[in-house]
Amino acid sequence: AMPRGKKKEEEVEEESEEEIEEEEEDDDEEGSEEDGEEMDEDDDEDDDDEQDEEEHEMEKAALLAKSHVVTPAINNHAGLRQKLSDIVLNGGKKVPWADVFAVLARTTSQSLVENVDDDLKRELAFYDIALAGVRDCQEQCRSSNVAFERPNDYYAEMVKTDDHMLKVKKELMQQAAKIEAAEIRRRQRDAKKFGKAMQTERTLEKHKNKREDLESIKQWR
């Protein structure tokens, strides 16, 4: 007969082997399920990529088709004339010059400049044309009784306030006072240096005279 303890050990070993086999089977099942899920995810990603490519191709084709569409030119003379009559001044009649201030140049730049590549002469021609236009405008203003000169008693409104200008004035005065004080201190230093030099020179002269007096006394003895 087999001892009772040995028999119990064999039963425990058999149970552990059965548990190990069951765990391996469970792992195999889980692995197969995970592989199946991964394959499903890959299939979904491939489907999404294909769908994106199809949408991109469709958008491209739509843009190409739209670019080839030729819009017919519309030249609606009646509509343009109607809009012009709506915006024209004084109902198409002659508008007073004071309402437009339009001045045309009497000469052109081509008539004043022989060589258009000459920058200096070209800019000078522009200046002369503009100056002539200003003079014509002044004459038109006088004939139309339009004032364009500033009255003698006219004072333009200042951009800066009085308080701001007082601050600026105070700052300028402080800077001037600092500069003057620095100049005074510099002159004082120079005068002090000069006085010290003169004092040293007088001291040396005094010592020199004293030595000469002593020498003369010694010679006299």
C-alpha atoms as a PDB file:
ATOM      1  CA  ALA A   1       0.000   0.000   0.000  1.00  0.00           C
ATOM      2  CA  MET A   2       1.208   3.614  -0.876  1.00  0.00           C
ATOM      3  CA  PRO A   3       1.858   5.846   2.126  1.00  0.00           C
ATOM      4  CA  ARG A   4      -0.830   8.421   2.756  1.00  0.00           C
ATOM      5  CA  GLY A   5       1.562  11.461   2.661  1.00  0.00           C
ATOM      6  CA  LYS A   6       3.083  10.510  -0.698  1.00  0.00           C
ATOM      7  CA  LYS A   7      -0.332  10.023  -2.193  1.00  0.00           C
ATOM      8  CA  LYS A   8      -1.364  13.458  -1.017  1.00  0.00           C
ATOM      9  CA  GLU A   9       1.719  15.035  -2.618  1.00  0.00           C
ATOM     10  CA  GLU A  10       0.930  13.397  -5.966  1.00  0.00           C
ATOM     11  CA  GLU A  11      -2.631  14.719  -5.817  1.00  0.00           C
ATOM     12  CA  VAL A  12      -1.319  18.249  -5.141  1.00  0.00           C
ATOM     13  CA  GLU A  13       1.093  17.995  -8.099  1.00  0.00           C
ATOM     14  CA  GLU A  14      -1.695  16.841 -10.410  1.00  0.00           C
ATOM     15  CA  GLU A  15      -3.912  19.731  -9.302  1.00  0.00           C
ATOM     16  CA  SER A  16      -1.095  22.257  -9.871  1.00  0.00           C
ATOM     17  CA  GLU A  17      -0.429  20.846 -13.356  1.00  0.00           C
ATOM     18  CA  GLU A  18      -4.124  21.101 -14.189  1.00  0.00           C
ATOM     19  CA  GLU A  19      -4.191  24.723 -12.976  1.00  0.00           C
ATOM     20  CA  ILE A  20      -1.123  25.567 -15.083  1.00  0.00           C
ATOM     21  CA  GLU A  21      -2.732  24.022 -18.170  1.00  0.00           C
ATOM     22  CA  GLU A  22      -5.947  25.978 -17.552  1.00  0.00           C
ATOM     23  CA  GLU A  23      -3.982  29.240 -17.198  1.00  0.00           C
ATOM     24  CA  GLU A  24      -2.115  28.549 -20.442  1.00  0.00           C
ATOM     25  CA  GLU A  25      -5.382  27.915 -22.222  1.00  0.00           C
ATOM     26  CA  ASP A  26      -6.817  31.158 -20.847  1.00  0.00           C
ATOM     27  CA  ASP A  27      -3.697  33.050 -21.981  1.00  0.00           C
ATOM     28  CA  ASP A  28      -4.006  31.558 -25.462  1.00  0.00           C
ATOM     29  CA  GLU A  29      -7.635  32.596 -25.643  1.00  0.00           C
ATOM     30  CA  GLU A  30      -6.873  36.132 -24.450  1.00  0.00           C
ATOM     31  CA  GLY A  31      -3.989  36.420 -26.940  1.00  0.00           C
ATOM     32  CA  SER A  32      -6.199  35.306 -29.806  1.00  0.00           C
ATOM     33  CA  GLU A  33      -8.874  37.820 -28.752  1.00  0.00           C
ATOM     34  CA  GLU A  34      -6.281  40.659 -28.576  1.00  0.00           C
ATOM     35  CA  ASP A  35      -4.910  39.712 -31.996  1.00  0.00           C
ATOM     36  CA  GLY A  36      -8.409  39.808 -33.366  1.00  0.00           C
ATOM     37  CA  GLU A  37      -9.044  43.236 -31.857  1.00  0.00           C
ATOM     38  CA  GLU A  38      -5.747  44.563 -33.265  1.00  0.00           C
ATOM     39  CA  MET A  39      -6.641  43.265 -36.695  1.00  0.00           C
ATOM     40  CA  ASP A  40     -10.054  44.941 -36.452  1.00  0.00           C
ATOM     41  CA  GLU A  41      -8.407  48.251 -35.467  1.00  0.00           C
ATOM     42  CA  ASP A  42      -5.954  47.995 -38.381  1.00  0.00           C
ATOM     43  CA  ASP A  43      -8.851  47.344 -40.748  1.00  0.00           C
ATOM     44  CA  ASP A  44     -10.703  50.391 -39.391  1.00  0.00           C
ATOM     45  CA  GLU A  45      -7.613  52.611 -39.827  1.00  0.00           C
ATOM     46  CA  ASP A  46      -7.156  51.390 -43.394  1.00  0.00           C
ATOM     47  CA  ASP A  47     -10.810  52.167 -44.113  1.00  0.00           C
ATOM     48  CA  ASP A  48     -10.430  55.677 -42.657  1.00  0.00           C
ATOM     49  CA  ASP A  49      -7.290  56.325 -44.737  1.00  0.00           C
ATOM     50  CA  GLU A  50      -9.030  55.177 -47.892  1.00  0.00           C
ATOM     51  CA  GLN A  51     -12.042  57.365 -47.114  1.00  0.00           C
ATOM     52  CA  ASP A  52      -9.799  60.427 -46.528  1.00  0.00           C
ATOM     53  CA  GLU A  53      -8.008  59.809 -49.812  1.00  0.00           C
ATOM     54  CA  GLU A  54     -11.312  59.531 -51.642  1.00  0.00           C
ATOM     55  CA  GLU A  55     -12.583  62.781 -50.097  1.00  0.00           C
ATOM     56  CA  HIS A  56      -9.324  64.541 -51.011  1.00  0.00           C
ATOM     57  CA  GLU A  57      -9.576  63.329 -54.603  1.00  0.00           C
ATOM     58  CA  MET A  58     -13.200  64.478 -54.793  1.00  0.00           C
ATOM     59  CA  GLU A  59     -12.294  67.944 -53.475  1.00  0.00           C
ATOM     60  CA  LYS A  60      -9.436  68.178 -55.945  1.00  0.00           C
ATOM     61  CA  ALA A  61     -11.690  67.233 -58.826  1.00  0.00           C
ATOM     62  CA  ALA A  62     -14.293  69.806 -57.708  1.00  0.00           C
ATOM     63  CA  LEU A  63     -11.675  72.579 -57.564  1.00  0.00           C
ATOM     64  CA  LEU A  64     -10.352  71.661 -61.003  1.00  0.00           C
ATOM     65  CA  ALA A  65     -13.856  71.674 -62.434  1.00  0.00           C
ATOM     66  CA  LYS A  66     -14.546  75.047 -60.833  1.00  0.00           C
ATOM     67  CA  SER A  67     -11.319  76.548 -62.179  1.00  0.00           C
ATOM     68  CA  HIS A  68     -12.235  75.564 -65.726  1.00  0.00           C
ATOM     69  CA  VAL A  69     -15.611  77.313 -65.493  1.00  0.00           C
ATOM     70  CA  VAL A  70     -15.460  80.539 -67.534  1.00  0.00           C
ATOM     71  CA  THR A  71     -17.553  83.409 -66.153  1.00  0.00           C
ATOM     72  CA  PRO A  72     -19.155  85.333 -68.995  1.00  0.00           C
ATOM     73  CA  ALA A  73     -18.235  89.012 -69.197  1.00  0.00           C
ATOM     74  CA  ILE A  74     -21.102  91.348 -68.425  1.00  0.00           C
ATOM     75  CA  ASN A  75     -21.043  94.826 -69.954  1.00  0.00           C
ATOM     76  CA  ASN A  76     -24.248  96.438 -68.785  1.00  0.00           C
ATOM     77  CA  HIS A  77     -24.092  99.925 -70.271  1.00  0.00           C
ATOM     78  CA  ALA A  78     -27.545 100.881 -69.038  1.00  0.00           C
ATOM     79  CA  GLY A  79     -26.781  99.850 -65.459  1.00  0.00           C
ATOM     80  CA  LEU A  80     -23.429 101.665 -65.454  1.00  0.00           C
ATOM     81  CA  ARG A  81     -25.055 104.847 -66.796  1.00  0.00           C
ATOM     82  CA  GLN A  82     -27.744 104.594 -64.143  1.00  0.00           C
ATOM     83  CA  LYS A  83     -25.169 104.282 -61.344  1.00  0.00           C
ATOM     84  CA  LEU A  84     -23.170 107.176 -62.813  1.00  0.00           C
ATOM     85  CA  SER A  85     -26.251 109.382 -62.804  1.00  0.00           C
ATOM     86  CA  ASP A  86     -26.827 108.431 -59.165  1.00  0.00           C
ATOM     87  CA  ILE A  87     -23.376 109.540 -57.990  1.00  0.00           C
ATOM     88  CA  VAL A  88     -22.647 112.434 -60.363  1.00  0.00           C
ATOM     89  CA  LEU A  89     -22.574 115.841 -58.689  1.00  0.00           C
ATOM     90  CA  ASN A  90     -25.267 118.420 -59.310  1.00  0.00           C
ATOM     91  CA  GLY A  91     -27.249 116.056 -61.509  1.00  0.00           C
ATOM     92  CA  GLY A  92     -24.693 116.076 -64.309  1.00  0.00           C
ATOM     93  CA  LYS A  93     -24.594 119.844 -64.592  1.00  0.00           C
ATOM     94  CA  LYS A  94     -21.470 121.912 -64.202  1.00  0.00           C
ATOM     95  CA  VAL A  95     -20.294 121.725 -60.616  1.00  0.00           C
ATOM     96  CA  PRO A  96     -18.805 124.818 -58.962  1.00  0.00           C
ATOM     97  CA  TRP A  97     -15.047 124.652 -58.746  1.00  0.00           C
ATOM     98  CA  ALA A  98     -15.145 125.229 -54.984  1.00  0.00           C
ATOM     99  CA  ASP A  99     -16.929 121.878 -54.574  1.00  0.00           C
ATOM    100  CA  VAL A 100     -14.227 119.813 -56.276  1.00  0.00           C
ATOM    101  CA  PHE A 101     -10.966 121.857 -56.144  1.00  0.00           C
ATOM    102  CA  ALA A 102      -9.799 120.051 -59.286  1.00  0.00           C
ATOM    103  CA  VAL A 103      -6.706 121.565 -60.919  1.00  0.00           C
ATOM    104  CA  LEU A 104      -5.099 120.229 -64.087  1.00  0.00           C
ATOM    105  CA  ALA A 105      -1.430 120.677 -64.863  1.00  0.00           C
ATOM    106  CA  ARG A 106      -0.672 122.978 -67.761  1.00  0.00           C
ATOM    107  CA  THR A 107       2.376 120.989 -68.816  1.00  0.00           C
ATOM    108  CA  THR A 108       3.450 117.362 -68.603  1.00  0.00           C
ATOM    109  CA  SER A 109       6.620 115.870 -67.255  1.00  0.00           C
ATOM    110  CA  GLN A 110       7.569 114.548 -70.698  1.00  0.00           C
ATOM    111  CA  SER A 111       7.679 118.082 -72.094  1.00  0.00           C
ATOM    112  CA  LEU A 112       9.950 119.242 -69.254  1.00  0.00           C
ATOM    113  CA  VAL A 113      12.309 116.276 -69.051  1.00  0.00           C
ATOM    114  CA  GLU A 114      14.250 115.081 -72.057  1.00  0.00           C
ATOM    115  CA  ASN A 115      15.814 112.080 -70.337  1.00  0.00           C
ATOM    116  CA  VAL A 116      13.346 110.283 -68.057  1.00  0.00           C
ATOM    117  CA  ASP A 117      16.213 108.379 -66.434  1.00  0.00           C
ATOM    118  CA  ASP A 118      17.614 111.610 -64.998  1.00  0.00           C
ATOM    119  CA  ASP A 119      16.231 111.424 -61.468  1.00  0.00           C
ATOM    120  CA  LEU A 120      17.136 114.983 -60.476  1.00  0.00           C
ATOM    121  CA  LYS A 121      15.501 116.663 -63.486  1.00  0.00           C
ATOM    122  CA  ARG A 122      12.468 114.392 -63.269  1.00  0.00           C
ATOM    123  CA  GLU A 123      11.844 115.213 -59.608  1.00  0.00           C
ATOM    124  CA  LEU A 124      12.419 118.911 -60.322  1.00  0.00           C
ATOM    125  CA  ALA A 125       9.794 118.728 -63.100  1.00  0.00           C
ATOM    126  CA  PHE A 126       7.317 117.176 -60.652  1.00  0.00           C
ATOM    127  CA  TYR A 127       8.030 120.002 -58.218  1.00  0.00           C
ATOM    128  CA  ASP A 128       7.523 122.702 -60.870  1.00  0.00           C
ATOM    129  CA  ILE A 129       4.238 121.117 -62.024  1.00  0.00           C
ATOM    130  CA  ALA A 130       2.926 120.897 -58.463  1.00  0.00           C
ATOM    131  CA  LEU A 131       3.968 124.499 -57.741  1.00  0.00           C
ATOM    132  CA  ALA A 132       2.212 125.720 -60.896  1.00  0.00           C
ATOM    133  CA  GLY A 133      -0.917 123.807 -59.872  1.00  0.00           C
ATOM    134  CA  VAL A 134      -0.872 125.476 -56.427  1.00  0.00           C
ATOM    135  CA  ARG A 135      -0.630 128.901 -58.019  1.00  0.00           C
ATOM    136  CA  ASP A 136      -3.545 128.108 -60.344  1.00  0.00           C
ATOM    137  CA  CYS A 137      -5.534 126.905 -57.349  1.00  0.00           C
ATOM    138  CA  GLN A 138      -4.832 130.151 -55.493  1.00  0.00           C
ATOM    139  CA  GLU A 139      -6.113 132.161 -58.460  1.00  0.00           C
ATOM    140  CA  GLN A 140      -9.250 130.030 -58.634  1.00  0.00           C
ATOM    141  CA  CYS A 141      -9.800 130.490 -54.898  1.00  0.00           C
ATOM    142  CA  ARG A 142      -9.532 134.263 -55.229  1.00  0.00           C
ATOM    143  CA  SER A 143     -11.983 134.335 -58.162  1.00  0.00           C
ATOM    144  CA  SER A 144     -14.389 132.041 -56.232  1.00  0.00           C
ATOM    145  CA  ASN A 145     -14.069 134.076 -53.014  1.00  0.00           C
ATOM    146  CA  VAL A 146     -12.673 131.089 -51.140  1.00  0.00           C
ATOM    147  CA  ALA A 147     -10.361 132.023 -48.287  1.00  0.00           C
ATOM    148  CA  PHE A 148      -7.145 129.982 -48.279  1.00  0.00           C
ATOM    149  CA  GLU A 149      -4.725 132.177 -46.310  1.00  0.00           C
ATOM    150  CA  ARG A 150      -4.530 132.151 -42.548  1.00  0.00           C
ATOM    151  CA  PRO A 151      -5.721 135.354 -40.877  1.00  0.00           C
ATOM    152  CA  ASN A 152      -3.173 137.405 -38.963  1.00  0.00           C
ATOM    153  CA  ASP A 153      -5.059 136.915 -35.692  1.00  0.00           C
ATOM    154  CA  TYR A 154      -5.477 133.159 -36.156  1.00  0.00           C
ATOM    155  CA  TYR A 155      -4.021 130.913 -33.486  1.00  0.00           C
ATOM    156  CA  ALA A 156      -4.043 127.205 -34.130  1.00  0.00           C
ATOM    157  CA  GLU A 157      -5.017 124.907 -31.313  1.00  0.00           C
ATOM    158  CA  MET A 158      -1.962 123.368 -29.723  1.00  0.00           C
ATOM    159  CA  VAL A 159      -1.552 119.631 -29.914  1.00  0.00           C
ATOM    160  CA  LYS A 160      -0.052 119.522 -26.421  1.00  0.00           C
ATOM    161  CA  THR A 161      -1.897 120.839 -23.388  1.00  0.00           C
ATOM    162  CA  ASP A 162      -0.627 123.761 -21.301  1.00  0.00           C
ATOM    163  CA  ASP A 163       0.124 121.447 -18.370  1.00  0.00           C
ATOM    164  CA  HIS A 164       2.257 119.247 -20.584  1.00  0.00           C
ATOM    165  CA  MET A 165       4.140 122.243 -21.993  1.00  0.00           C
ATOM    166  CA  LEU A 166       4.730 123.556 -18.440  1.00  0.00           C
ATOM    167  CA  LYS A 167       6.232 120.200 -17.527  1.00  0.00           C
ATOM    168  CA  VAL A 168       8.455 120.355 -20.598  1.00  0.00           C
ATOM    169  CA  LYS A 169       9.501 123.915 -19.742  1.00  0.00           C
ATOM    170  CA  LYS A 170      10.258 122.920 -16.141  1.00  0.00           C
ATOM    171  CA  GLU A 171      12.351 119.988 -17.346  1.00  0.00           C
ATOM    172  CA  LEU A 172      14.301 122.244 -19.727  1.00  0.00           C
ATOM    173  CA  MET A 173      14.905 124.794 -16.979  1.00  0.00           C
ATOM    174  CA  GLN A 174      16.140 122.060 -14.635  1.00  0.00           C
ATOM    175  CA  GLN A 175      18.529 120.783 -17.280  1.00  0.00           C
ATOM    176  CA  ALA A 176      19.798 124.330 -17.911  1.00  0.00           C
ATOM    177  CA  ALA A 177      20.286 124.865 -14.164  1.00  0.00           C
ATOM    178  CA  LYS A 178      22.229 121.601 -13.908  1.00  0.00           C
ATOM    179  CA  ILE A 179      24.467 122.606 -16.799  1.00  0.00           C
ATOM    180  CA  GLU A 180      25.069 126.062 -15.285  1.00  0.00           C
ATOM    181  CA  ALA A 181      25.850 124.593 -11.848  1.00  0.00           C
ATOM    182  CA  ALA A 182      28.302 122.149 -13.412  1.00  0.00           C
ATOM    183  CA  GLU A 183      29.971 125.026 -15.275  1.00  0.00           C
ATOM    184  CA  ILE A 184      30.262 127.045 -12.048  1.00  0.00           C
ATOM    185  CA  ARG A 185      31.817 124.087 -10.221  1.00  0.00           C
ATOM    186  CA  ARG A 186      34.263 123.618 -13.071  1.00  0.00           C
ATOM    187  CA  ARG A 187      35.306 127.273 -12.963  1.00  0.00           C
ATOM    188  CA  GLN A 188      35.703 127.071  -9.192  1.00  0.00           C
ATOM    189  CA  ARG A 189      37.938 124.020  -9.514  1.00  0.00           C
ATOM    190  CA  ASP A 190      40.009 125.760 -12.161  1.00  0.00           C
ATOM    191  CA  ALA A 191      40.302 128.893  -9.990  1.00  0.00           C
ATOM    192  CA  LYS A 192      41.278 126.777  -7.004  1.00  0.00           C
ATOM    193  CA  LYS A 193      43.930 124.992  -9.033  1.00  0.00           C
ATOM    194  CA  PHE A 194      45.203 128.325 -10.347  1.00  0.00           C
ATOM    195  CA  GLY A 195      45.287 129.848  -6.847  1.00  0.00           C
ATOM    196  CA  LYS A 196      47.133 126.837  -5.487  1.00  0.00           C
ATOM    197  CA  ALA A 197      49.653 127.061  -8.336  1.00  0.00           C
ATOM    198  CA  MET A 198      50.167 130.803  -7.692  1.00  0.00           C
ATOM    199  CA  GLN A 199      50.595 130.158  -3.969  1.00  0.00           C
ATOM    200  CA  THR A 200      53.153 127.463  -4.676  1.00  0.00           C
ATOM    201  CA  GLU A 201      54.953 129.791  -7.062  1.00  0.00           C
ATOM    202  CA  ARG A 202      55.032 132.601  -4.436  1.00  0.00           C
ATOM    203  CA  THR A 203      56.281 130.154  -1.795  1.00  0.00           C
ATOM    204  CA  LEU A 204      59.078 129.011  -4.094  1.00  0.00           C
ATOM    205  CA  GLU A 205      59.944 132.613  -4.915  1.00  0.00           C
ATOM    206  CA  LYS A 206      60.034 133.450  -1.204  1.00  0.00           C
ATOM    207  CA  HIS A 207      62.346 130.533  -0.452  1.00  0.00           C
ATOM    208  CA  LYS A 208      64.541 131.527  -3.367  1.00  0.00           C
ATOM    209  CA  ASN A 209      64.805 135.120  -2.130  1.00  0.00           C
ATOM    210  CA  LYS A 210      65.576 133.874   1.384  1.00  0.00           C
ATOM    211  CA  ARG A 211      68.375 131.682   0.106  1.00  0.00           C
ATOM    212  CA  GLU A 212      69.793 134.543  -1.917  1.00  0.00           C
ATOM    213  CA  ASP A 213      69.681 136.825   1.132  1.00  0.00           C
ATOM    214  CA  LEU A 214      71.471 134.240   3.248  1.00  0.00           C
ATOM    215  CA  GLU A 215      74.129 133.780   0.571  1.00  0.00           C
ATOM    216  CA  SER A 216      74.666 137.508   0.317  1.00  0.00           C
ATOM    217  CA  ILE A 217      74.975 137.774   4.121  1.00  0.00           C
ATOM    218  CA  LYS A 218      77.557 135.013   4.188  1.00  0.00           C
ATOM    219  CA  GLN A 219      79.549 136.712   1.461  1.00  0.00           C
ATOM    220  CA  TRP A 220      79.389 140.046   3.253  1.00  0.00           C
ATOM    221  CA  ARG A 221      80.802 138.481   6.429  1.00  0.00           C
END
